[in-house]
């Protein structure tokens, strides 16, 4: 394993029981590698398993099978007590800034809670020297410290969530759609804040988002996920310049173009149909029920991820 990898995921699988003998195949055989100081964007439709994958990686969910390595250490089967030292190295920014903050706690106590949990300070009252600079770092002031979450806008709440995640100076931060609930102008501010912190501290991000144009701006590498599986992985420039998997082409074809003339010239490659149920995923390639290029082999054999050159990985029978 490369010493430069902050995160390596091998054949990660997470299934949920759905009543009776039914099983939700949320994550199936995902392999990911994230190098230190880089950002890996994870994209796909709603319900494709991105958030389940992220929460399994950070061990909010126990994996059904597979392996998770954080900075070379296997954390797959560690108990919650054994995981505590690793929690300091990996933090999460949640999608919803409204439900991810405790309404009964002040902003200072919310941000100070990780410091107390990991023994950096003994009491929250002793945390001001660390909390106040972090508040200013995320665009707030120490006057905000004694306010409650309901007194803030959505963008300000997300900044509090970011401050809580970054206060421990983790090596890995999982960003689970941290900008989807924010106005466009606020999105840019939050993204620039994360990038500045990465440049300063060398933190690595696993960035989950629906906005493909934003993912292109943020990410060094991009992974495309469909129905619990990765179908394509490459560096961001290559995957936007030369998408190979039909699903990736469909996602990129859905990006709006502001110029009407360019929009008319743009190739139409929208994805038809709805994503199948993860309780009963299609056989073979899971995308074959919606793929315009599907053949008989696509419904019979699962395509293996293969390198088609320069580290561009794709799981498709066309290649």
Protein backbone atom coordinates (compact mmCIF):
# COMPACT_ATOMS: atom_id res chain seq x y z
CA UNK A 1 0.00 0.00 0.00
CA UNK A 2 1.35 3.42 -0.94
CA UNK A 3 2.37 5.60 1.98
CA UNK A 4 0.77 8.52 0.16
CA UNK A 5 -2.72 7.07 0.47
CA UNK A 6 -4.76 8.53 3.29
CA UNK A 7 -7.69 6.25 2.42
CA UNK A 8 -7.93 2.92 0.66
CA UNK A 9 -11.18 0.99 0.34
CA UNK A 10 -11.16 -2.57 -0.93
CA UNK A 11 -14.28 -4.38 -2.11
CA UNK A 12 -16.47 -2.46 0.35
CA UNK A 13 -20.00 -3.81 0.70
CA UNK A 14 -22.90 -2.59 2.83
CA UNK A 15 -26.31 -4.27 2.82
CA UNK A 16 -29.33 -3.34 4.92
CA UNK A 17 -32.17 -5.61 5.94
CA UNK A 18 -35.46 -4.35 4.52
CA UNK A 19 -37.93 -6.66 6.25
CA UNK A 20 -38.36 -10.37 5.80
CA UNK A 21 -35.62 -11.77 3.59
CA UNK A 22 -35.26 -8.62 1.51
CA UNK A 23 -31.87 -6.92 1.43
CA UNK A 24 -30.99 -3.42 0.21
CA UNK A 25 -27.75 -3.55 -1.80
CA UNK A 26 -26.65 -0.03 -0.86
CA UNK A 27 -22.93 -0.53 -1.58
CA UNK A 28 -21.54 -3.48 -3.54
CA UNK A 29 -17.83 -4.09 -4.04
CA UNK A 30 -16.52 -0.51 -4.09
CA UNK A 31 -12.77 0.09 -4.46
CA UNK A 32 -11.43 3.59 -3.80
CA UNK A 33 -8.05 5.22 -3.25
CA UNK A 34 -7.57 8.76 -2.00
CA UNK A 35 -4.09 10.29 -1.81
CA UNK A 36 -3.03 12.74 0.88
CA UNK A 37 -3.84 16.36 0.16
CA UNK A 38 -6.15 15.54 -2.75
CA UNK A 39 -9.91 15.59 -3.31
CA UNK A 40 -11.89 12.66 -4.68
CA UNK A 41 -15.32 13.61 -5.98
CA UNK A 42 -18.06 10.98 -5.83
CA UNK A 43 -21.02 11.58 -8.13
CA UNK A 44 -24.20 9.80 -9.16
CA UNK A 45 -27.98 10.03 -9.02
CA UNK A 46 -29.91 10.17 -5.77
CA UNK A 47 -30.18 6.69 -4.30
CA UNK A 48 -27.03 5.35 -5.94
CA UNK A 49 -25.31 4.71 -2.59
CA UNK A 50 -22.91 7.66 -2.28
CA UNK A 51 -23.91 8.64 1.26
CA UNK A 52 -24.13 5.02 2.41
CA UNK A 53 -20.63 4.46 1.07
CA UNK A 54 -19.32 7.54 2.88
CA UNK A 55 -20.96 6.63 6.18
CA UNK A 56 -19.60 3.10 5.94
CA UNK A 57 -16.09 4.39 5.24
CA UNK A 58 -16.21 6.61 8.33
CA UNK A 59 -17.69 3.66 10.28
CA UNK A 60 -21.03 5.24 11.10
CA UNK A 61 -22.26 1.99 9.54
CA UNK A 62 -20.51 -1.32 10.05
CA UNK A 63 -19.49 -2.78 6.67
CA UNK A 64 -21.05 -6.05 5.55
CA UNK A 65 -17.70 -7.02 4.01
CA UNK A 66 -14.56 -5.48 2.54
CA UNK A 67 -11.66 -3.53 4.02
CA UNK A 68 -11.10 0.12 4.99
CA UNK A 69 -7.57 1.47 5.51
CA UNK A 70 -7.01 4.90 7.04
CA UNK A 71 -3.42 6.10 6.62
CA UNK A 72 -2.32 2.46 6.24
CA UNK A 73 -4.22 1.18 9.29
CA UNK A 74 -7.05 -1.33 8.91
CA UNK A 75 -10.10 0.11 10.71
CA UNK A 76 -12.67 -2.26 9.23
CA UNK A 77 -13.38 -4.39 12.28
CA UNK A 78 -12.40 -2.07 15.10
CA UNK A 79 -14.91 -1.56 17.90
CA UNK A 80 -16.24 1.93 18.62
CA UNK A 81 -13.85 2.18 21.57
CA UNK A 82 -10.90 1.14 19.39
CA UNK A 83 -11.98 3.62 16.71
CA UNK A 84 -11.76 6.65 18.99
CA UNK A 85 -8.12 7.57 18.18
CA UNK A 86 -8.97 7.32 14.46
CA UNK A 87 -12.03 9.56 14.81
CA UNK A 88 -9.64 12.46 15.36
CA UNK A 89 -8.10 11.78 11.94
CA UNK A 90 -11.40 11.58 10.04
CA UNK A 91 -14.39 13.88 10.32
CA UNK A 92 -17.59 14.45 8.37
CA UNK A 93 -19.50 17.47 7.11
CA UNK A 94 -23.16 16.54 6.81
CA UNK A 95 -25.57 17.48 4.06
CA UNK A 96 -28.29 19.06 6.17
CA UNK A 97 -27.10 22.06 8.22
CA UNK A 98 -30.48 22.15 9.96
CA UNK A 99 -30.58 18.66 11.50
CA UNK A 100 -26.85 18.05 12.03
CA UNK A 101 -26.49 20.67 14.79
CA UNK A 102 -27.80 20.27 18.33
CA UNK A 103 -30.49 22.92 18.81
CA UNK A 104 -29.90 22.99 22.59
CA UNK A 105 -26.20 23.79 22.38
CA UNK A 106 -24.50 27.09 21.67
CA UNK A 107 -22.19 27.35 18.69
CA UNK A 108 -19.17 27.39 21.00
CA UNK A 109 -20.26 24.16 22.67
CA UNK A 110 -20.98 22.51 19.32
CA UNK A 111 -17.50 23.28 17.99
CA UNK A 112 -15.81 22.53 21.33
CA UNK A 113 -17.47 19.14 21.77
CA UNK A 114 -14.87 17.23 19.65
CA UNK A 115 -12.07 18.92 21.64
CA UNK A 116 -13.53 17.63 24.90
CA UNK A 117 -14.30 14.18 23.49
CA UNK A 118 -10.67 13.70 22.43
CA UNK A 119 -9.16 15.17 25.58
CA UNK A 120 -7.62 18.25 23.95
CA UNK A 121 -9.41 20.38 26.57
CA UNK A 122 -11.01 19.16 29.77
CA UNK A 123 -14.03 21.48 29.71
CA UNK A 124 -15.79 23.37 26.95
CA UNK A 125 -15.20 26.59 28.87
CA UNK A 126 -11.45 26.12 28.27
CA UNK A 127 -11.84 25.86 24.49
CA UNK A 128 -12.19 29.55 23.57
CA UNK A 129 -8.57 29.91 22.45
CA UNK A 130 -9.22 27.25 19.80
CA UNK A 131 -12.90 27.88 19.01
CA UNK A 132 -12.69 31.65 18.40
CA UNK A 133 -9.92 31.44 15.75
CA UNK A 134 -11.80 28.63 14.01
CA UNK A 135 -14.99 30.70 13.93
CA UNK A 136 -13.08 33.52 12.26
CA UNK A 137 -11.47 31.01 9.91
CA UNK A 138 -14.90 29.97 8.59
CA UNK A 139 -16.17 33.52 8.23
CA UNK A 140 -17.94 33.98 11.58
CA UNK A 141 -16.91 35.95 14.67
CA UNK A 142 -16.56 35.23 18.37
CA UNK A 143 -19.79 37.19 18.89
CA UNK A 144 -21.54 34.26 17.22
CA UNK A 145 -20.18 31.79 19.78
CA UNK A 146 -22.99 32.18 22.33
CA UNK A 147 -25.82 31.98 19.83
CA UNK A 148 -27.90 28.90 19.01
CA UNK A 149 -28.25 27.18 15.65
CA UNK A 150 -31.79 28.45 15.00
CA UNK A 151 -30.45 32.03 15.00
CA UNK A 152 -28.35 31.42 11.88
CA UNK A 153 -29.02 31.18 8.17
CA UNK A 154 -28.42 27.94 6.27
CA UNK A 155 -25.03 29.10 5.06
CA UNK A 156 -23.94 30.13 8.54
CA UNK A 157 -25.08 26.81 9.98
CA UNK A 158 -23.05 24.96 7.40
CA UNK A 159 -20.03 27.04 8.39
CA UNK A 160 -20.56 25.92 11.98
CA UNK A 161 -20.68 22.31 10.77
CA UNK A 162 -17.45 22.85 8.84
CA UNK A 163 -15.79 24.43 11.88
CA UNK A 164 -16.82 21.44 14.00
CA UNK A 165 -15.30 19.05 11.45
CA UNK A 166 -12.05 21.01 11.03
CA UNK A 167 -11.39 21.96 14.68
CA UNK A 168 -9.46 18.71 15.22
CA UNK A 169 -7.35 19.32 12.10
CA UNK A 170 -8.20 15.90 10.65
CA UNK A 171 -6.32 14.21 7.82
CA UNK A 172 -9.53 13.18 6.05
CA UNK A 173 -12.86 15.00 5.82
CA UNK A 174 -15.87 13.37 4.18
CA UNK A 175 -18.08 16.07 2.70
CA UNK A 176 -21.55 14.58 2.19
CA UNK A 177 -23.17 17.08 -0.20
CA UNK A 178 -22.16 20.03 2.00
CA UNK A 179 -23.44 22.67 -0.44
CA UNK A 180 -26.67 21.18 -1.80
CA UNK A 181 -28.85 23.03 0.73
CA UNK A 182 -27.20 26.40 0.16
CA UNK A 183 -27.75 29.30 -2.21
CA UNK A 184 -25.41 29.46 -5.20
CA UNK A 185 -23.51 32.50 -3.88
CA UNK A 186 -23.00 30.79 -0.52
CA UNK A 187 -21.88 27.58 -2.25
CA UNK A 188 -18.90 29.34 -3.77
CA UNK A 189 -17.89 30.77 -0.40
CA UNK A 190 -18.06 27.37 1.30
CA UNK A 191 -16.09 25.66 -1.49
CA UNK A 192 -13.38 28.33 -1.41
CA UNK A 193 -13.20 27.96 2.37
CA UNK A 194 -12.62 24.20 2.04
CA UNK A 195 -10.00 24.67 -0.68
CA UNK A 196 -8.12 27.29 1.35
CA UNK A 197 -8.02 24.97 4.35
CA UNK A 198 -6.76 22.14 2.13
CA UNK A 199 -3.97 24.33 0.75
CA UNK A 200 -3.00 25.37 4.26
CA UNK A 201 -3.28 22.09 6.17
CA UNK A 202 -3.01 19.41 3.45
CA UNK A 203 -6.31 17.81 4.41
CA UNK A 204 -7.86 15.25 2.03
CA UNK A 205 -11.54 15.38 1.01
CA UNK A 206 -13.99 12.76 -0.15
CA UNK A 207 -16.49 15.14 -1.75
CA UNK A 208 -19.99 13.91 -2.54
CA UNK A 209 -22.21 16.12 -4.69
CA UNK A 210 -24.91 16.24 -7.36
CA UNK A 211 -23.55 19.37 -9.03
CA UNK A 212 -21.13 17.97 -11.59
CA UNK A 213 -19.74 21.38 -12.56
CA UNK A 214 -18.90 22.04 -8.89
CA UNK A 215 -17.29 18.62 -8.57
CA UNK A 216 -15.10 19.44 -11.55
CA UNK A 217 -13.94 22.63 -9.84
CA UNK A 218 -13.29 20.98 -6.47
CA UNK A 219 -11.91 17.53 -7.30
CA UNK A 220 -8.56 16.16 -8.40
CA UNK A 221 -10.13 12.77 -9.17
CA UNK A 222 -13.73 11.71 -9.80
CA UNK A 223 -15.56 8.44 -9.17
CA UNK A 224 -18.94 7.77 -10.78
CA UNK A 225 -21.33 5.57 -8.81
CA UNK A 226 -24.43 3.76 -10.01
CA UNK A 227 -26.71 1.55 -7.92
CA UNK A 228 -24.10 0.76 -5.29
CA UNK A 229 -21.16 0.21 -7.63
CA UNK A 230 -18.38 2.33 -9.12
CA UNK A 231 -18.57 2.39 -12.92
CA UNK A 232 -15.76 4.85 -13.76
CA UNK A 233 -12.83 6.50 -11.99
CA UNK A 234 -10.25 8.92 -13.38
CA UNK A 235 -8.67 12.30 -12.77
CA UNK A 236 -11.20 15.10 -13.07
CA UNK A 237 -9.86 16.61 -16.28
CA UNK A 238 -9.82 13.30 -18.12
CA UNK A 239 -13.27 12.15 -17.04
CA UNK A 240 -14.89 15.42 -18.13
CA UNK A 241 -12.88 15.55 -21.33
CA UNK A 242 -13.28 11.90 -22.29
CA UNK A 243 -16.12 10.12 -20.44
CA UNK A 244 -16.29 6.44 -21.36
CA UNK A 245 -19.14 4.79 -19.49
CA UNK A 246 -22.61 5.48 -20.98
CA UNK A 247 -23.84 6.46 -17.52
CA UNK A 248 -21.06 9.02 -17.11
CA UNK A 249 -21.83 10.43 -20.55
CA UNK A 250 -25.48 10.76 -19.55
CA UNK A 251 -24.62 12.58 -16.32
CA UNK A 252 -22.33 15.02 -18.11
CA UNK A 253 -24.91 15.52 -20.85
CA UNK A 254 -27.34 16.74 -18.20
CA UNK A 255 -25.15 19.69 -17.15
CA UNK A 256 -26.93 22.91 -18.20
CA UNK A 257 -25.13 25.23 -20.62
CA UNK A 258 -25.74 28.96 -20.13
CA UNK A 259 -25.13 29.86 -23.80
CA UNK A 260 -28.22 28.95 -25.90
CA UNK A 261 -26.17 28.46 -29.06
CA UNK A 262 -23.78 26.07 -27.34
CA UNK A 263 -26.70 24.30 -25.70
CA UNK A 264 -28.24 23.56 -29.12
CA UNK A 265 -24.92 22.26 -30.41
CA UNK A 266 -24.36 20.10 -27.36
CA UNK A 267 -24.87 16.38 -27.89
CA UNK A 268 -28.00 15.13 -26.18
CA UNK A 269 -27.19 12.09 -24.11
CA UNK A 270 -29.75 12.13 -21.30
CA UNK A 271 -30.41 8.98 -19.29
CA UNK A 272 -33.86 7.53 -19.77
CA UNK A 273 -35.86 5.63 -17.19
CA UNK A 274 -35.62 5.45 -13.41
CA UNK A 275 -32.90 3.92 -11.29
CA UNK A 276 -33.87 0.29 -10.43
CA UNK A 277 -34.58 -0.83 -6.88
CA UNK A 278 -31.46 -1.65 -4.83
CA UNK A 279 -33.49 -4.46 -3.25
CA UNK A 280 -33.56 -6.31 -6.55
CA UNK A 281 -30.75 -4.88 -8.73
CA UNK A 282 -30.50 -6.03 -12.37
CA UNK A 283 -28.22 -8.92 -13.24
CA UNK A 284 -24.94 -8.37 -15.06
CA UNK A 285 -24.21 -4.69 -15.58
CA UNK A 286 -26.67 -2.84 -13.38
CA UNK A 287 -26.98 -0.04 -15.92
CA UNK A 288 -28.00 -2.29 -18.83
CA UNK A 289 -31.74 -1.66 -18.30
CA UNK A 290 -31.19 2.03 -19.18
CA UNK A 291 -28.18 1.82 -21.49
CA UNK A 292 -28.68 2.56 -25.23
CA UNK A 293 -25.65 0.36 -26.08
CA UNK A 294 -26.65 -2.71 -24.05
CA UNK A 295 -26.10 -6.18 -25.53
CA UNK A 296 -26.97 -9.67 -24.34
CA UNK A 297 -23.63 -9.92 -22.55
CA UNK A 298 -24.47 -6.85 -20.47
CA UNK A 299 -27.38 -8.64 -18.79
CA UNK A 300 -25.41 -11.83 -18.19
CA UNK A 301 -21.93 -10.84 -16.98
CA UNK A 302 -20.81 -8.25 -14.45
CA UNK A 303 -18.22 -5.96 -16.12
CA UNK A 304 -14.92 -5.74 -14.27
CA UNK A 305 -13.18 -2.44 -13.64
CA UNK A 306 -10.30 -2.13 -16.09
CA UNK A 307 -7.60 0.44 -16.85
CA UNK A 308 -7.98 1.78 -20.39
CA UNK A 309 -4.91 3.98 -20.11
CA UNK A 310 -3.35 6.61 -17.84
CA UNK A 311 -5.22 5.32 -14.81
CA UNK A 312 -8.64 5.84 -16.41
CA UNK A 313 -10.74 2.99 -14.96
CA UNK A 314 -14.09 1.91 -16.39
CA UNK A 315 -16.43 -1.04 -15.80
CA UNK A 316 -18.17 -1.56 -19.14
CA UNK A 317 -18.35 -4.37 -21.71
CA UNK A 318 -17.79 -1.81 -24.49
CA UNK A 319 -14.12 -1.60 -23.50
